[in-house]
Amino acid sequence: LFRGAPAAEWLGRMEAAGVPCAPVQTVGEALRDPV
């Protein structure tokens, strides 16, 4: 099921539903994370 759409779509749906989730980021992406 998850292979059928981009990660942003799944993450958006799950975050809206209060389901813990996250993208698998590189170290560089983590160092640019807004948090």
PDB file of all heavy atoms in Angstrom:
ATOM      1  N   LEU A   1       0.830  -1.202   0.000  1.00  0.00           N
ATOM      2  CA  LEU A   1       0.000   0.000   0.000  1.00  0.00           C
ATOM      3  C   LEU A   1       0.869   1.258   0.000  1.00  0.00           C
ATOM      4  O   LEU A   1       0.646   2.188  -0.783  1.00  0.00           O
ATOM      5  CB  LEU A   1      -0.908  -0.026   1.231  1.00  0.00           C
ATOM      6  CG  LEU A   1      -1.811   1.193   1.441  1.00  0.00           C
ATOM      7  CD1 LEU A   1      -2.805   1.327   0.286  1.00  0.00           C
ATOM      8  CD2 LEU A   1      -2.557   1.068   2.763  1.00  0.00           C
ATOM      9  N   PHE A   2       1.897   1.297   0.851  1.00  0.00           N
ATOM     10  CA  PHE A   2       2.723   2.497   0.988  1.00  0.00           C
ATOM     11  C   PHE A   2       3.542   2.793  -0.259  1.00  0.00           C
ATOM     12  O   PHE A   2       3.873   3.950  -0.531  1.00  0.00           O
ATOM     13  CB  PHE A   2       3.645   2.366   2.204  1.00  0.00           C
ATOM     14  CG  PHE A   2       2.936   2.493   3.525  1.00  0.00           C
ATOM     15  CD1 PHE A   2       3.246   1.644   4.580  1.00  0.00           C
ATOM     16  CD2 PHE A   2       1.959   3.457   3.727  1.00  0.00           C
ATOM     17  CE1 PHE A   2       2.605   1.751   5.800  1.00  0.00           C
ATOM     18  CE2 PHE A   2       1.306   3.577   4.943  1.00  0.00           C
ATOM     19  CZ  PHE A   2       1.624   2.717   5.987  1.00  0.00           C
ATOM     20  N   ARG A   3       3.859   1.770  -1.031  1.00  0.00           N
ATOM     21  CA  ARG A   3       4.626   2.014  -2.263  1.00  0.00           C
ATOM     22  C   ARG A   3       3.806   2.762  -3.318  1.00  0.00           C
ATOM     23  O   ARG A   3       4.343   3.233  -4.319  1.00  0.00           O
ATOM     24  CB  ARG A   3       5.140   0.697  -2.838  1.00  0.00           C
ATOM     25  CG  ARG A   3       6.329   0.110  -2.076  1.00  0.00           C
ATOM     26  CD  ARG A   3       7.003  -0.997  -2.877  1.00  0.00           C
ATOM     27  NE  ARG A   3       6.133  -2.161  -3.037  1.00  0.00           N
ATOM     28  CZ  ARG A   3       6.102  -3.206  -2.198  1.00  0.00           C
ATOM     29  NH1 ARG A   3       6.889  -3.202  -1.112  1.00  0.00           N
ATOM     30  NH2 ARG A   3       5.297  -4.221  -2.413  1.00  0.00           N
ATOM     31  N   GLY A   4       2.520   2.910  -3.080  1.00  0.00           N
ATOM     32  CA  GLY A   4       1.649   3.500  -4.088  1.00  0.00           C
ATOM     33  C   GLY A   4       1.563   5.013  -4.077  1.00  0.00           C
ATOM     34  O   GLY A   4       0.865   5.591  -4.925  1.00  0.00           O
ATOM     35  N   ALA A   5       2.240   5.705  -3.139  1.00  0.00           N
ATOM     36  CA  ALA A   5       2.161   7.171  -3.091  1.00  0.00           C
ATOM     37  C   ALA A   5       3.435   7.719  -2.460  1.00  0.00           C
ATOM     38  O   ALA A   5       4.162   6.995  -1.780  1.00  0.00           O
ATOM     39  CB  ALA A   5       0.931   7.612  -2.301  1.00  0.00           C
ATOM     40  N   PRO A   6       3.729   9.000  -2.670  1.00  0.00           N
ATOM     41  CA  PRO A   6       4.927   9.605  -2.088  1.00  0.00           C
ATOM     42  C   PRO A   6       4.853   9.644  -0.559  1.00  0.00           C
ATOM     43  O   PRO A   6       3.774   9.667   0.044  1.00  0.00           O
ATOM     44  CB  PRO A   6       4.947  11.023  -2.662  1.00  0.00           C
ATOM     45  CG  PRO A   6       4.067  10.967  -3.861  1.00  0.00           C
ATOM     46  CD  PRO A   6       3.019   9.938  -3.564  1.00  0.00           C
ATOM     47  N   ALA A   7       6.015   9.706   0.068  1.00  0.00           N
ATOM     48  CA  ALA A   7       6.085   9.715   1.528  1.00  0.00           C
ATOM     49  C   ALA A   7       5.343  10.905   2.124  1.00  0.00           C
ATOM     50  O   ALA A   7       4.694  10.792   3.169  1.00  0.00           O
ATOM     51  CB  ALA A   7       7.551   9.726   1.973  1.00  0.00           C
ATOM     52  N   ALA A   8       5.438  12.073   1.466  1.00  0.00           N
ATOM     53  CA  ALA A   8       4.785  13.266   2.012  1.00  0.00           C
ATOM     54  C   ALA A   8       3.290  13.060   2.172  1.00  0.00           C
ATOM     55  O   ALA A   8       2.684  13.573   3.128  1.00  0.00           O
ATOM     56  CB  ALA A   8       5.079  14.470   1.118  1.00  0.00           C
ATOM     57  N   GLU A   9       2.676  12.338   1.248  1.00  0.00           N
ATOM     58  CA  GLU A   9       1.229  12.106   1.346  1.00  0.00           C
ATOM     59  C   GLU A   9       0.913  11.251   2.563  1.00  0.00           C
ATOM     60  O   GLU A   9       0.016  11.572   3.342  1.00  0.00           O
ATOM     61  CB  GLU A   9       0.703  11.437   0.080  1.00  0.00           C
ATOM     62  CG  GLU A   9      -0.788  11.135   0.178  1.00  0.00           C
ATOM     63  CD  GLU A   9      -1.366  10.595  -1.113  1.00  0.00           C
ATOM     64  OE1 GLU A   9      -0.793  10.877  -2.191  1.00  0.00           O
ATOM     65  OE2 GLU A   9      -2.392   9.875  -1.046  1.00  0.00           O
ATOM     66  N   TRP A  10       1.660  10.136   2.727  1.00  0.00           N
ATOM     67  CA  TRP A  10       1.401   9.262   3.867  1.00  0.00           C
ATOM     68  C   TRP A  10       1.691   9.982   5.182  1.00  0.00           C
ATOM     69  O   TRP A  10       0.907   9.882   6.141  1.00  0.00           O
ATOM     70  CB  TRP A  10       2.245   7.997   3.774  1.00  0.00           C
ATOM     71  CG  TRP A  10       1.973   7.166   2.558  1.00  0.00           C
ATOM     72  CD1 TRP A  10       2.871   6.789   1.603  1.00  0.00           C
ATOM     73  CD2 TRP A  10       0.723   6.592   2.166  1.00  0.00           C
ATOM     74  NE1 TRP A  10       2.276   6.021   0.643  1.00  0.00           N
ATOM     75  CE2 TRP A  10       0.943   5.879   0.957  1.00  0.00           C
ATOM     76  CE3 TRP A  10      -0.564   6.617   2.695  1.00  0.00           C
ATOM     77  CZ2 TRP A  10      -0.066   5.199   0.293  1.00  0.00           C
ATOM     78  CZ3 TRP A  10      -1.572   5.933   2.032  1.00  0.00           C
ATOM     79  CH2 TRP A  10      -1.325   5.242   0.842  1.00  0.00           C
ATOM     80  N   LEU A  11       2.808  10.705   5.236  1.00  0.00           N
ATOM     81  CA  LEU A  11       3.170  11.397   6.468  1.00  0.00           C
ATOM     82  C   LEU A  11       2.133  12.459   6.820  1.00  0.00           C
ATOM     83  O   LEU A  11       1.780  12.623   7.993  1.00  0.00           O
ATOM     84  CB  LEU A  11       4.554  12.027   6.330  1.00  0.00           C
ATOM     85  CG  LEU A  11       5.720  11.027   6.214  1.00  0.00           C
ATOM     86  CD1 LEU A  11       7.008  11.747   5.826  1.00  0.00           C
ATOM     87  CD2 LEU A  11       5.912  10.269   7.522  1.00  0.00           C
ATOM     88  N   GLY A  12       1.622  13.164   5.814  1.00  0.00           N
ATOM     89  CA  GLY A  12       0.594  14.162   6.077  1.00  0.00           C
ATOM     90  C   GLY A  12      -0.665  13.551   6.644  1.00  0.00           C
ATOM     91  O   GLY A  12      -1.274  14.080   7.587  1.00  0.00           O
ATOM     92  N   ARG A  13      -1.081  12.436   6.071  1.00  0.00           N
ATOM     93  CA  ARG A  13      -2.285  11.772   6.567  1.00  0.00           C
ATOM     94  C   ARG A  13      -2.091  11.277   8.003  1.00  0.00           C
ATOM     95  O   ARG A  13      -2.983  11.441   8.852  1.00  0.00           O
ATOM     96  CB  ARG A  13      -2.633  10.579   5.676  1.00  0.00           C
ATOM     97  CG  ARG A  13      -3.092  10.928   4.266  1.00  0.00           C
ATOM     98  CD  ARG A  13      -3.601   9.651   3.604  1.00  0.00           C
ATOM     99  NE  ARG A  13      -3.846   9.785   2.185  1.00  0.00           N
ATOM    100  CZ  ARG A  13      -4.392   8.843   1.448  1.00  0.00           C
ATOM    101  NH1 ARG A  13      -4.752   7.694   2.008  1.00  0.00           N
ATOM    102  NH2 ARG A  13      -4.582   9.023   0.151  1.00  0.00           N
ATOM    103  N   MET A  14      -0.944  10.663   8.251  1.00  0.00           N
ATOM    104  CA  MET A  14      -0.718  10.092   9.579  1.00  0.00           C
ATOM    105  C   MET A  14      -0.556  11.175  10.635  1.00  0.00           C
ATOM    106  O   MET A  14      -1.054  11.049  11.759  1.00  0.00           O
ATOM    107  CB  MET A  14       0.498   9.167   9.537  1.00  0.00           C
ATOM    108  CG  MET A  14       0.209   7.842   8.831  1.00  0.00           C
ATOM    109  SD  MET A  14       1.562   6.665   8.900  1.00  0.00           S
ATOM    110  CE  MET A  14       2.628   7.310   7.614  1.00  0.00           C
ATOM    111  N   GLU A  15       0.167  12.250  10.303  1.00  0.00           N
ATOM    112  CA  GLU A  15       0.318  13.339  11.268  1.00  0.00           C
ATOM    113  C   GLU A  15      -1.033  13.949  11.613  1.00  0.00           C
ATOM    114  O   GLU A  15      -1.314  14.276  12.773  1.00  0.00           O
ATOM    115  CB  GLU A  15       1.276  14.383  10.711  1.00  0.00           C
ATOM    116  CG  GLU A  15       2.727  13.914  10.695  1.00  0.00           C
ATOM    117  CD  GLU A  15       3.639  14.841   9.916  1.00  0.00           C
ATOM    118  OE1 GLU A  15       3.146  15.860   9.381  1.00  0.00           O
ATOM    119  OE2 GLU A  15       4.845  14.545   9.835  1.00  0.00           O
ATOM    120  N   ALA A  16      -1.898  14.105  10.628  1.00  0.00           N
ATOM    121  CA  ALA A  16      -3.228  14.655  10.883  1.00  0.00           C
ATOM    122  C   ALA A  16      -4.050  13.744  11.784  1.00  0.00           C
ATOM    123  O   ALA A  16      -4.899  14.212  12.544  1.00  0.00           O
ATOM    124  CB  ALA A  16      -3.958  14.884   9.557  1.00  0.00           C
ATOM    125  N   ALA A  17      -3.776  12.442  11.719  1.00  0.00           N
ATOM    126  CA  ALA A  17      -4.513  11.468  12.528  1.00  0.00           C
ATOM    127  C   ALA A  17      -3.841  11.196  13.870  1.00  0.00           C
ATOM    128  O   ALA A  17      -4.356  10.393  14.663  1.00  0.00           O
ATOM    129  CB  ALA A  17      -4.649  10.153  11.748  1.00  0.00           C
ATOM    130  N   GLY A  18      -2.697  11.823  14.135  1.00  0.00           N
ATOM    131  CA  GLY A  18      -2.011  11.600  15.406  1.00  0.00           C
ATOM    132  C   GLY A  18      -1.296  10.270  15.489  1.00  0.00           C
ATOM    133  O   GLY A  18      -1.164   9.695  16.580  1.00  0.00           O
ATOM    134  N   VAL A  19      -0.809   9.788  14.357  1.00  0.00           N
ATOM    135  CA  VAL A  19      -0.051   8.528  14.321  1.00  0.00           C
ATOM    136  C   VAL A  19       1.435   8.862  14.261  1.00  0.00           C
ATOM    137  O   VAL A  19       1.870   9.577  13.354  1.00  0.00           O
ATOM    138  CB  VAL A  19      -0.457   7.680  13.099  1.00  0.00           C
ATOM    139  CG1 VAL A  19       0.397   6.407  13.035  1.00  0.00           C
ATOM    140  CG2 VAL A  19      -1.937   7.334  13.169  1.00  0.00           C
ATOM    141  N   PRO A  20       2.253   8.371  15.186  1.00  0.00           N
ATOM    142  CA  PRO A  20       3.687   8.676  15.173  1.00  0.00           C
ATOM    143  C   PRO A  20       4.351   8.190  13.877  1.00  0.00           C
ATOM    144  O   PRO A  20       4.191   7.033  13.472  1.00  0.00           O
ATOM    145  CB  PRO A  20       4.235   7.909  16.381  1.00  0.00           C
ATOM    146  CG  PRO A  20       3.063   7.745  17.292  1.00  0.00           C
ATOM    147  CD  PRO A  20       1.886   7.580  16.381  1.00  0.00           C
ATOM    148  N   CYS A  21       5.077   9.091  13.222  1.00  0.00           N
ATOM    149  CA  CYS A  21       5.717   8.767  11.957  1.00  0.00           C
ATOM    150  C   CYS A  21       6.805   9.801  11.688  1.00  0.00           C
ATOM    151  O   CYS A  21       6.843  10.861  12.318  1.00  0.00           O
ATOM    152  CB  CYS A  21       4.700   8.774  10.812  1.00  0.00           C
ATOM    153  SG  CYS A  21       3.860  10.378  10.621  1.00  0.00           S
ATOM    154  N   ALA A  22       7.685   9.505  10.742  1.00  0.00           N
ATOM    155  CA  ALA A  22       8.746  10.457  10.393  1.00  0.00           C
ATOM    156  C   ALA A  22       9.397  10.020   9.094  1.00  0.00           C
ATOM    157  O   ALA A  22       9.460   8.817   8.786  1.00  0.00           O
ATOM    158  CB  ALA A  22       9.804  10.519  11.492  1.00  0.00           C
ATOM    159  N   PRO A  23       9.911  10.981   8.318  1.00  0.00           N
ATOM    160  CA  PRO A  23      10.729  10.606   7.165  1.00  0.00           C
ATOM    161  C   PRO A  23      12.086  10.093   7.631  1.00  0.00           C
ATOM    162  O   PRO A  23      12.566  10.470   8.705  1.00  0.00           O
ATOM    163  CB  PRO A  23      10.888  11.939   6.411  1.00  0.00           C
ATOM    164  CG  PRO A  23      10.791  12.974   7.482  1.00  0.00           C
ATOM    165  CD  PRO A  23       9.811  12.448   8.491  1.00  0.00           C
ATOM    166  N   VAL A  24      12.699   9.230   6.852  1.00  0.00           N
ATOM    167  CA  VAL A  24      14.071   8.807   7.132  1.00  0.00           C
ATOM    168  C   VAL A  24      14.996   9.851   6.510  1.00  0.00           C
ATOM    169  O   VAL A  24      15.201   9.871   5.300  1.00  0.00           O
ATOM    170  CB  VAL A  24      14.358   7.399   6.568  1.00  0.00           C
ATOM    171  CG1 VAL A  24      15.811   7.014   6.799  1.00  0.00           C
ATOM    172  CG2 VAL A  24      13.427   6.371   7.226  1.00  0.00           C
ATOM    173  N   GLN A  25      15.520  10.741   7.313  1.00  0.00           N
ATOM    174  CA  GLN A  25      16.322  11.849   6.825  1.00  0.00           C
ATOM    175  C   GLN A  25      17.810  11.513   6.829  1.00  0.00           C
ATOM    176  O   GLN A  25      18.274  10.699   7.627  1.00  0.00           O
ATOM    177  CB  GLN A  25      16.086  13.106   7.685  1.00  0.00           C
ATOM    178  CG  GLN A  25      14.664  13.608   7.659  1.00  0.00           C
ATOM    179  CD  GLN A  25      14.522  14.992   8.280  1.00  0.00           C
ATOM    180  OE1 GLN A  25      13.779  15.813   7.771  1.00  0.00           O
ATOM    181  NE2 GLN A  25      15.213  15.249   9.370  1.00  0.00           N
ATOM    182  N   THR A  26      18.548  12.161   5.959  1.00  0.00           N
ATOM    183  CA  THR A  26      19.997  12.110   6.036  1.00  0.00           C
ATOM    184  C   THR A  26      20.449  12.993   7.198  1.00  0.00           C
ATOM    185  O   THR A  26      19.678  13.793   7.746  1.00  0.00           O
ATOM    186  CB  THR A  26      20.635  12.628   4.744  1.00  0.00           C
ATOM    187  OG1 THR A  26      20.336  14.034   4.622  1.00  0.00           O
ATOM    188  CG2 THR A  26      20.109  11.877   3.525  1.00  0.00           C
ATOM    189  N   VAL A  27      21.730  12.882   7.576  1.00  0.00           N
ATOM    190  CA  VAL A  27      22.270  13.739   8.632  1.00  0.00           C
ATOM    191  C   VAL A  27      22.176  15.204   8.207  1.00  0.00           C
ATOM    192  O   VAL A  27      21.816  16.082   9.002  1.00  0.00           O
ATOM    193  CB  VAL A  27      23.715  13.349   8.967  1.00  0.00           C
ATOM    194  CG1 VAL A  27      24.337  14.338   9.953  1.00  0.00           C
ATOM    195  CG2 VAL A  27      23.765  11.936   9.544  1.00  0.00           C
ATOM    196  N   GLY A  28      22.471  15.478   6.936  1.00  0.00           N
ATOM    197  CA  GLY A  28      22.372  16.845   6.447  1.00  0.00           C
ATOM    198  C   GLY A  28      20.968  17.388   6.560  1.00  0.00           C
ATOM    199  O   GLY A  28      20.759  18.550   6.927  1.00  0.00           O
ATOM    200  N   GLU A  29      19.964  16.554   6.234  1.00  0.00           N
ATOM    201  CA  GLU A  29      18.579  16.990   6.366  1.00  0.00           C
ATOM    202  C   GLU A  29      18.226  17.233   7.830  1.00  0.00           C
ATOM    203  O   GLU A  29      17.525  18.194   8.164  1.00  0.00           O
ATOM    204  CB  GLU A  29      17.645  15.944   5.762  1.00  0.00           C
ATOM    205  CG  GLU A  29      17.672  15.892   4.241  1.00  0.00           C
ATOM    206  CD  GLU A  29      16.854  14.743   3.692  1.00  0.00           C
ATOM    207  OE1 GLU A  29      16.862  13.645   4.301  1.00  0.00           O
ATOM    208  OE2 GLU A  29      16.199  14.940   2.656  1.00  0.00           O
ATOM    209  N   ALA A  30      18.722  16.373   8.712  1.00  0.00           N
ATOM    210  CA  ALA A  30      18.449  16.560  10.137  1.00  0.00           C
ATOM    211  C   ALA A  30      19.054  17.861  10.649  1.00  0.00           C
ATOM    212  O   ALA A  30      18.459  18.552  11.490  1.00  0.00           O
ATOM    213  CB  ALA A  30      18.990  15.374  10.931  1.00  0.00           C
ATOM    214  N   LEU A  31      20.215  18.235  10.121  1.00  0.00           N
ATOM    215  CA  LEU A  31      20.861  19.476  10.551  1.00  0.00           C
ATOM    216  C   LEU A  31      20.155  20.712  10.003  1.00  0.00           C
ATOM    217  O   LEU A  31      20.438  21.829  10.449  1.00  0.00           O
ATOM    218  CB  LEU A  31      22.330  19.477  10.130  1.00  0.00           C
ATOM    219  CG  LEU A  31      23.227  18.495  10.877  1.00  0.00           C
ATOM    220  CD1 LEU A  31      24.614  18.452  10.250  1.00  0.00           C
ATOM    221  CD2 LEU A  31      23.317  18.865  12.359  1.00  0.00           C
ATOM    222  N   ARG A  32      19.261  20.518   9.037  1.00  0.00           N
ATOM    223  CA  ARG A  32      18.447  21.628   8.526  1.00  0.00           C
ATOM    224  C   ARG A  32      17.007  21.549   9.030  1.00  0.00           C
ATOM    225  O   ARG A  32      16.157  22.331   8.609  1.00  0.00           O
ATOM    226  CB  ARG A  32      18.461  21.614   6.989  1.00  0.00           C
ATOM    227  CG  ARG A  32      19.840  21.838   6.379  1.00  0.00           C
ATOM    228  CD  ARG A  32      19.765  21.988   4.869  1.00  0.00           C
ATOM    229  NE  ARG A  32      19.319  20.787   4.192  1.00  0.00           N
ATOM    230  CZ  ARG A  32      20.119  19.795   3.788  1.00  0.00           C
ATOM    231  NH1 ARG A  32      21.424  19.876   4.009  1.00  0.00           N
ATOM    232  NH2 ARG A  32      19.625  18.733   3.164  1.00  0.00           N
ATOM    233  N   ASP A  33      16.736  20.628   9.926  1.00  0.00           N
ATOM    234  CA  ASP A  33      15.376  20.432  10.423  1.00  0.00           C
ATOM    235  C   ASP A  33      14.928  21.652  11.217  1.00  0.00           C
ATOM    236  O   ASP A  33      15.671  22.165  12.053  1.00  0.00           O
ATOM    237  CB  ASP A  33      15.332  19.181  11.316  1.00  0.00           C
ATOM    238  CG  ASP A  33      13.920  18.696  11.556  1.00  0.00           C
ATOM    239  OD1 ASP A  33      13.115  19.470  12.133  1.00  0.00           O
ATOM    240  OD2 ASP A  33      13.604  17.554  11.178  1.00  0.00           O
ATOM    241  N   PRO A  34      13.715  22.150  10.967  1.00  0.00           N
ATOM    242  CA  PRO A  34      13.233  23.323  11.706  1.00  0.00           C
ATOM    243  C   PRO A  34      13.241  23.138  13.219  1.00  0.00           C
ATOM    244  O   PRO A  34      13.417  24.108  13.959  1.00  0.00           O
ATOM    245  CB  PRO A  34      11.807  23.505  11.181  1.00  0.00           C
ATOM    246  CG  PRO A  34      11.814  22.865   9.827  1.00  0.00           C
ATOM    247  CD  PRO A  34      12.766  21.716   9.927  1.00  0.00           C
ATOM    248  N   VAL A  35      13.046  21.920  13.691  1.00  0.00           N
ATOM    249  CA  VAL A  35      13.071  21.706  15.143  1.00  0.00           C
ATOM    250  C   VAL A  35      14.435  22.074  15.710  1.00  0.00           C
ATOM    251  O   VAL A  35      14.542  22.716  16.765  1.00  0.00           O
ATOM    252  CB  VAL A  35      12.719  20.247  15.487  1.00  0.00           C
ATOM    253  CG1 VAL A  35      12.905  19.978  16.969  1.00  0.00           C
ATOM    254  CG2 VAL A  35      11.278  19.938  15.067  1.00  0.00           C
TER     255      VAL A  35
END
